[in-house]
N, C-alpha and C. Protein backbone atom coordinates (compact mmCIF):
# COMPACT_ATOMS: atom_id res chain seq x y z
N UNK A 1 0.85 -1.17 0.00
CA UNK A 1 0.00 0.00 0.00
C UNK A 1 0.91 1.24 0.00
N UNK A 2 0.44 2.29 -0.66
CA UNK A 2 1.22 3.52 -0.76
C UNK A 2 0.64 4.61 0.13
N UNK A 3 1.52 5.42 0.67
CA UNK A 3 1.16 6.53 1.55
C UNK A 3 0.25 7.50 0.81
N UNK A 4 -0.87 7.90 1.44
CA UNK A 4 -1.76 8.86 0.77
C UNK A 4 -1.19 10.27 0.73
N UNK A 5 -0.11 10.51 1.48
CA UNK A 5 0.49 11.84 1.49
C UNK A 5 1.65 11.95 0.51
N UNK A 6 2.65 11.07 0.66
CA UNK A 6 3.86 11.21 -0.16
C UNK A 6 4.07 10.08 -1.16
N UNK A 7 3.14 9.13 -1.19
CA UNK A 7 3.13 8.02 -2.16
C UNK A 7 4.23 6.98 -1.95
N UNK A 8 4.95 7.03 -0.84
CA UNK A 8 5.97 6.04 -0.51
C UNK A 8 5.30 4.72 -0.15
N UNK A 9 5.95 3.61 -0.44
CA UNK A 9 5.44 2.31 0.02
C UNK A 9 5.50 2.28 1.54
N UNK A 10 4.39 1.87 2.15
CA UNK A 10 4.32 1.86 3.61
C UNK A 10 4.77 0.52 4.16
N UNK A 11 5.23 0.56 5.39
CA UNK A 11 5.65 -0.64 6.12
C UNK A 11 4.51 -1.09 7.01
N UNK A 12 4.41 -2.38 7.25
CA UNK A 12 3.40 -2.89 8.16
C UNK A 12 4.07 -3.15 9.50
N UNK A 13 3.56 -2.48 10.54
CA UNK A 13 4.05 -2.67 11.90
C UNK A 13 2.93 -3.28 12.71
N UNK A 14 3.27 -4.17 13.62
CA UNK A 14 2.24 -4.81 14.44
C UNK A 14 2.27 -4.28 15.86
N UNK A 15 1.09 -4.00 16.37
CA UNK A 15 0.90 -3.61 17.77
C UNK A 15 -0.26 -4.44 18.30
N UNK A 16 0.02 -5.40 19.15
CA UNK A 16 -1.01 -6.24 19.76
C UNK A 16 -2.00 -6.78 18.72
N UNK A 17 -1.49 -7.44 17.71
CA UNK A 17 -2.29 -8.05 16.64
C UNK A 17 -3.01 -7.04 15.75
N UNK A 18 -2.63 -5.78 15.83
CA UNK A 18 -3.18 -4.74 14.96
C UNK A 18 -2.08 -4.37 13.97
N UNK A 19 -2.42 -4.37 12.70
CA UNK A 19 -1.44 -3.99 11.68
C UNK A 19 -1.59 -2.51 11.37
N UNK A 20 -0.54 -1.77 11.67
CA UNK A 20 -0.51 -0.34 11.36
C UNK A 20 0.33 -0.17 10.11
N UNK A 21 -0.16 0.57 9.16
CA UNK A 21 0.60 0.86 7.95
C UNK A 21 1.31 2.18 8.18
N UNK A 22 2.64 2.13 8.18
CA UNK A 22 3.47 3.27 8.56
C UNK A 22 4.31 3.74 7.39
N UNK A 23 4.34 5.05 7.17
CA UNK A 23 5.16 5.62 6.11
C UNK A 23 6.51 6.02 6.70
N UNK A 24 7.60 5.40 6.25
CA UNK A 24 8.92 5.74 6.79
C UNK A 24 9.42 7.11 6.34
N UNK A 25 8.79 7.69 5.32
CA UNK A 25 9.22 8.99 4.82
C UNK A 25 8.58 10.14 5.58
N UNK A 26 7.25 10.18 5.61
CA UNK A 26 6.56 11.31 6.27
C UNK A 26 6.12 10.98 7.69
N UNK A 27 6.30 9.72 8.11
CA UNK A 27 5.98 9.25 9.46
C UNK A 27 4.48 9.24 9.75
N UNK A 28 3.65 9.21 8.70
CA UNK A 28 2.21 9.09 8.88
C UNK A 28 1.83 7.63 9.11
N UNK A 29 0.57 7.43 9.48
CA UNK A 29 0.12 6.08 9.83
C UNK A 29 -1.32 5.89 9.37
N UNK A 30 -1.59 4.75 8.76
CA UNK A 30 -2.94 4.38 8.32
C UNK A 30 -3.46 3.26 9.20
N UNK A 31 -4.68 3.41 9.69
CA UNK A 31 -5.37 2.35 10.42
C UNK A 31 -6.62 1.98 9.64
N UNK A 32 -6.77 0.70 9.34
CA UNK A 32 -7.98 0.24 8.69
C UNK A 32 -9.16 0.39 9.65
N UNK A 33 -10.36 0.36 9.09
CA UNK A 33 -11.59 0.49 9.87
C UNK A 33 -11.58 -0.51 11.02
N UNK A 34 -11.86 -0.03 12.22
CA UNK A 34 -11.94 -0.87 13.41
C UNK A 34 -10.64 -1.02 14.18
N UNK A 35 -9.50 -0.70 13.56
CA UNK A 35 -8.22 -0.89 14.25
C UNK A 35 -8.01 0.13 15.36
N UNK A 36 -8.47 1.35 15.19
CA UNK A 36 -8.33 2.33 16.27
C UNK A 36 -9.15 1.90 17.48
N UNK A 37 -10.34 1.39 17.24
CA UNK A 37 -11.17 0.90 18.35
C UNK A 37 -10.47 -0.24 19.07
N UNK A 38 -9.81 -1.13 18.33
CA UNK A 38 -9.05 -2.21 18.95
C UNK A 38 -7.93 -1.64 19.82
N UNK A 39 -7.25 -0.63 19.30
CA UNK A 39 -6.15 -0.02 20.03
C UNK A 39 -6.68 0.66 21.30
N UNK A 40 -7.89 1.19 21.22
CA UNK A 40 -8.50 1.85 22.37
C UNK A 40 -9.22 0.84 23.28
N UNK A 41 -8.91 -0.43 23.10
CA UNK A 41 -9.47 -1.50 23.92
C UNK A 41 -10.99 -1.52 23.88
N UNK A 42 -11.55 -1.39 22.68
CA UNK A 42 -12.99 -1.53 22.51
C UNK A 42 -13.81 -0.31 22.84
N UNK A 43 -13.19 0.79 23.17
CA UNK A 43 -13.95 2.01 23.50
C UNK A 43 -14.47 2.62 22.20
N UNK A 44 -15.70 2.30 21.87
CA UNK A 44 -16.23 2.72 20.57
C UNK A 44 -17.14 3.92 20.64
N UNK A 45 -17.57 4.34 21.82
CA UNK A 45 -18.53 5.45 21.92
C UNK A 45 -18.00 6.72 21.26
N UNK A 46 -16.77 7.08 21.56
CA UNK A 46 -16.20 8.28 20.96
C UNK A 46 -16.02 8.12 19.46
N UNK A 47 -15.62 6.92 19.02
CA UNK A 47 -15.39 6.70 17.60
C UNK A 47 -16.69 6.72 16.81
N UNK A 48 -17.81 6.38 17.45
CA UNK A 48 -19.09 6.45 16.77
C UNK A 48 -19.49 7.89 16.48
N UNK A 49 -18.86 8.84 17.18
CA UNK A 49 -19.12 10.25 16.93
C UNK A 49 -18.33 10.80 15.75
N UNK A 50 -17.36 10.02 15.27
CA UNK A 50 -16.54 10.48 14.15
C UNK A 50 -17.39 10.58 12.90
N UNK A 51 -17.33 11.72 12.23
CA UNK A 51 -18.15 11.99 11.05
C UNK A 51 -17.42 11.49 9.80
N UNK A 52 -17.74 10.27 9.35
CA UNK A 52 -17.04 9.65 8.23
C UNK A 52 -17.38 10.30 6.89
N UNK A 53 -18.50 10.95 6.78
CA UNK A 53 -18.89 11.51 5.47
C UNK A 53 -18.91 13.02 5.45
N UNK A 54 -18.71 13.66 6.58
CA UNK A 54 -18.73 15.12 6.64
C UNK A 54 -17.33 15.69 6.52
N UNK A 55 -17.15 16.84 7.12
CA UNK A 55 -15.84 17.48 7.09
C UNK A 55 -15.55 18.12 5.75
N UNK A 56 -14.34 18.55 5.62
CA UNK A 56 -13.87 19.23 4.41
C UNK A 56 -13.19 18.20 3.52
N UNK A 57 -13.50 18.22 2.25
CA UNK A 57 -12.83 17.30 1.33
C UNK A 57 -11.35 17.65 1.31
N UNK A 58 -10.53 16.66 1.59
CA UNK A 58 -9.09 16.86 1.66
C UNK A 58 -8.41 16.63 0.32
N UNK A 59 -7.09 16.73 0.34
CA UNK A 59 -6.29 16.54 -0.88
C UNK A 59 -5.80 15.11 -1.04
N UNK A 60 -5.97 14.31 -0.01
CA UNK A 60 -5.47 12.94 -0.04
C UNK A 60 -6.55 11.96 -0.46
N UNK A 61 -6.11 10.83 -1.00
CA UNK A 61 -7.04 9.76 -1.39
C UNK A 61 -6.82 8.56 -0.49
N UNK A 62 -7.89 7.85 -0.25
CA UNK A 62 -7.82 6.63 0.56
C UNK A 62 -6.87 5.64 -0.10
N UNK A 63 -5.92 5.09 0.64
CA UNK A 63 -5.00 4.13 0.03
C UNK A 63 -5.66 2.79 -0.30
N UNK A 64 -6.87 2.56 0.18
CA UNK A 64 -7.59 1.31 -0.11
C UNK A 64 -8.50 1.45 -1.34
N UNK A 65 -9.42 2.44 -1.29
CA UNK A 65 -10.42 2.55 -2.37
C UNK A 65 -10.18 3.73 -3.30
N UNK A 66 -9.21 4.58 -2.96
CA UNK A 66 -8.80 5.74 -3.75
C UNK A 66 -9.83 6.88 -3.81
N UNK A 67 -10.87 6.82 -2.98
CA UNK A 67 -11.81 7.94 -2.91
C UNK A 67 -11.15 9.11 -2.17
N UNK A 68 -11.50 10.35 -2.54
CA UNK A 68 -10.95 11.50 -1.80
C UNK A 68 -11.40 11.43 -0.34
N UNK A 69 -10.43 11.60 0.56
CA UNK A 69 -10.75 11.55 1.98
C UNK A 69 -11.23 12.91 2.47
N UNK A 70 -11.88 12.90 3.63
CA UNK A 70 -12.40 14.10 4.25
C UNK A 70 -11.59 14.38 5.52
N UNK A 71 -11.37 15.65 5.80
CA UNK A 71 -10.66 16.05 7.01
C UNK A 71 -11.71 16.36 8.07
N UNK A 72 -11.65 15.63 9.18
CA UNK A 72 -12.63 15.79 10.25
C UNK A 72 -11.93 15.84 11.60
N UNK A 73 -12.51 16.56 12.55
CA UNK A 73 -11.94 16.56 13.89
C UNK A 73 -12.34 15.29 14.64
N UNK A 74 -11.43 14.76 15.41
CA UNK A 74 -11.77 13.63 16.27
C UNK A 74 -12.50 14.15 17.49
N UNK A 75 -13.36 13.33 18.08
CA UNK A 75 -14.08 13.75 19.28
C UNK A 75 -13.13 14.06 20.44
N UNK A 76 -13.66 14.75 21.42
CA UNK A 76 -12.93 15.06 22.66
C UNK A 76 -11.67 15.89 22.41
N UNK A 77 -11.76 16.86 21.51
CA UNK A 77 -10.63 17.74 21.21
C UNK A 77 -9.43 17.00 20.65
N UNK A 78 -9.68 15.91 19.93
CA UNK A 78 -8.60 15.19 19.28
C UNK A 78 -8.15 15.94 18.03
N UNK A 79 -7.13 15.43 17.35
CA UNK A 79 -6.61 16.11 16.16
C UNK A 79 -7.58 15.98 14.98
N UNK A 80 -7.36 16.80 13.97
CA UNK A 80 -8.08 16.64 12.71
C UNK A 80 -7.37 15.53 11.94
N UNK A 81 -8.15 14.59 11.43
CA UNK A 81 -7.60 13.44 10.71
C UNK A 81 -8.29 13.30 9.36
N UNK A 82 -7.68 12.53 8.48
CA UNK A 82 -8.26 12.24 7.18
C UNK A 82 -8.99 10.91 7.28
N UNK A 83 -10.27 10.89 6.92
CA UNK A 83 -11.05 9.66 6.96
C UNK A 83 -11.59 9.33 5.58
N UNK A 84 -11.66 8.06 5.29
CA UNK A 84 -12.24 7.60 4.03
C UNK A 84 -13.76 7.68 4.16
N UNK A 85 -14.46 8.31 3.21
CA UNK A 85 -15.92 8.39 3.30
C UNK A 85 -16.60 7.03 3.17
N UNK A 86 -15.88 6.02 2.66
CA UNK A 86 -16.42 4.67 2.59
C UNK A 86 -16.03 3.86 3.83
N UNK A 87 -15.47 4.54 4.82
CA UNK A 87 -15.07 3.96 6.11
C UNK A 87 -14.00 2.87 5.98
N UNK A 88 -13.11 3.02 4.99
CA UNK A 88 -12.00 2.07 4.88
C UNK A 88 -11.01 2.23 6.03
N UNK A 89 -10.83 3.46 6.51
CA UNK A 89 -9.89 3.69 7.58
C UNK A 89 -9.60 5.16 7.81
N UNK A 90 -8.55 5.41 8.61
CA UNK A 90 -8.18 6.76 9.03
C UNK A 90 -6.69 6.97 8.79
N UNK A 91 -6.34 8.14 8.26
CA UNK A 91 -4.95 8.53 8.08
C UNK A 91 -4.57 9.52 9.17
N UNK A 92 -3.43 9.24 9.82
CA UNK A 92 -2.89 10.11 10.86
C UNK A 92 -1.55 10.65 10.40
N UNK A 93 -1.40 11.97 10.36
CA UNK A 93 -0.09 12.55 10.10
C UNK A 93 0.79 12.28 11.31
N UNK A 94 2.08 12.53 11.17
CA UNK A 94 3.02 12.27 12.27
C UNK A 94 2.53 12.91 13.57
N UNK A 95 2.47 12.12 14.63
CA UNK A 95 2.08 12.60 15.94
C UNK A 95 0.59 12.61 16.21
N UNK A 96 -0.23 12.53 15.16
CA UNK A 96 -1.68 12.60 15.35
C UNK A 96 -2.26 11.35 16.01
N UNK A 97 -1.68 10.19 15.76
CA UNK A 97 -2.20 8.98 16.39
C UNK A 97 -2.01 9.06 17.90
N UNK A 98 -0.84 9.51 18.33
CA UNK A 98 -0.61 9.68 19.77
C UNK A 98 -1.58 10.70 20.35
N UNK A 99 -1.79 11.80 19.64
CA UNK A 99 -2.73 12.83 20.12
C UNK A 99 -4.15 12.27 20.19
N UNK A 100 -4.51 11.45 19.22
CA UNK A 100 -5.84 10.84 19.22
C UNK A 100 -6.02 9.91 20.42
N UNK A 101 -5.01 9.11 20.70
CA UNK A 101 -5.07 8.19 21.85
C UNK A 101 -5.22 9.00 23.14
N UNK A 102 -4.42 10.04 23.26
CA UNK A 102 -4.49 10.88 24.47
C UNK A 102 -5.87 11.53 24.63
N UNK A 103 -6.50 11.89 23.51
CA UNK A 103 -7.80 12.56 23.60
C UNK A 103 -8.93 11.59 23.96
N UNK A 104 -8.73 10.31 23.74
CA UNK A 104 -9.79 9.33 23.95
C UNK A 104 -9.66 8.55 25.25
N UNK A 105 -8.47 8.50 25.82
CA UNK A 105 -8.25 7.70 27.02
C UNK A 105 -7.71 8.56 28.15
N UNK A 106 -7.97 8.15 29.38
CA UNK A 106 -7.38 8.81 30.54
C UNK A 106 -5.86 8.60 30.49
N UNK A 107 -5.12 9.50 31.12
CA UNK A 107 -3.66 9.45 31.08
C UNK A 107 -3.10 8.08 31.45
N UNK A 108 -3.61 7.46 32.50
CA UNK A 108 -3.09 6.17 32.94
C UNK A 108 -3.29 5.09 31.89
N UNK A 109 -4.39 5.17 31.15
CA UNK A 109 -4.65 4.19 30.10
C UNK A 109 -3.88 4.51 28.83
N UNK A 110 -3.72 5.80 28.54
CA UNK A 110 -3.06 6.22 27.30
C UNK A 110 -1.55 6.06 27.36
N UNK A 111 -0.95 6.26 28.52
CA UNK A 111 0.51 6.30 28.62
C UNK A 111 1.22 5.08 28.03
N UNK A 112 0.81 3.84 28.35
CA UNK A 112 1.52 2.69 27.76
C UNK A 112 1.41 2.64 26.24
N UNK A 113 0.25 2.97 25.71
CA UNK A 113 0.05 2.95 24.25
C UNK A 113 0.89 4.04 23.61
N UNK A 114 0.83 5.24 24.17
CA UNK A 114 1.58 6.38 23.63
C UNK A 114 3.08 6.09 23.66
N UNK A 115 3.57 5.49 24.74
CA UNK A 115 5.00 5.17 24.84
C UNK A 115 5.39 4.14 23.79
N UNK A 116 4.56 3.14 23.57
CA UNK A 116 4.85 2.15 22.53
C UNK A 116 4.88 2.80 21.16
N UNK A 117 3.93 3.69 20.88
CA UNK A 117 3.91 4.39 19.59
C UNK A 117 5.14 5.27 19.43
N UNK A 118 5.57 5.90 20.51
CA UNK A 118 6.77 6.73 20.46
C UNK A 118 7.98 5.86 20.10
N UNK A 119 8.06 4.66 20.70
CA UNK A 119 9.17 3.75 20.40
C UNK A 119 9.11 3.27 18.94
N UNK A 120 7.90 3.02 18.44
CA UNK A 120 7.74 2.53 17.08
C UNK A 120 8.02 3.62 16.05
N UNK A 121 7.48 4.81 16.27
CA UNK A 121 7.50 5.86 15.27
C UNK A 121 8.50 6.97 15.53
N UNK A 122 9.06 7.03 16.72
CA UNK A 122 9.89 8.18 17.08
C UNK A 122 9.00 9.32 17.54
N UNK A 123 9.59 10.46 17.74
CA UNK A 123 8.81 11.62 18.20
C UNK A 123 8.69 12.63 17.07
N UNK A 124 7.81 13.58 17.25
CA UNK A 124 7.65 14.63 16.24
C UNK A 124 8.96 15.39 16.07
N UNK A 125 9.67 15.62 17.19
CA UNK A 125 10.92 16.36 17.14
C UNK A 125 11.97 15.61 16.32
N UNK A 126 12.03 14.27 16.48
CA UNK A 126 12.97 13.49 15.69
C UNK A 126 12.66 13.60 14.22
N UNK A 127 11.39 13.57 13.87
CA UNK A 127 10.99 13.70 12.48
C UNK A 127 11.37 15.04 11.90
N UNK A 128 11.21 16.09 12.70
CA UNK A 128 11.57 17.43 12.24
C UNK A 128 13.08 17.52 12.04
N UNK A 129 13.87 16.93 12.93
CA UNK A 129 15.33 16.96 12.78
C UNK A 129 15.76 16.21 11.53
N UNK A 130 15.08 15.09 11.24
CA UNK A 130 15.46 14.28 10.07
C UNK A 130 15.11 14.93 8.75
N UNK A 131 14.18 15.90 8.75
CA UNK A 131 13.80 16.54 7.49
C UNK A 131 14.58 17.83 7.25
N UNK A 132 15.39 18.24 8.22
CA UNK A 132 16.16 19.48 8.05
C UNK A 132 17.51 19.23 7.46
């Protein structure tokens, strides 16, 4: 699968039986439909509030079905993310997945997941240093 942002071939990383598609170039991450809920340990109430067909039409296309994705805010003051209107999945720019986890879970629940993601993906600061 190719990155919807920079078109680089993405790598598949596993986190607790969840396959995350990671772009080694722009450090973005794709989660197929349902994978974020799995990562959030089944907490689906907030994710049911996500507007899959609304938002602003973005510039990126879904890496699965190639439909133009929409930019929508995540519930609970989470980041703005790109979602496939056919609900194929969600695209997170660098750092947005960690921000999304933090917005959906209490600190004690979010910390282990966020630390694992930091180990897998690095930090935003590392990404900025690597692009300079």
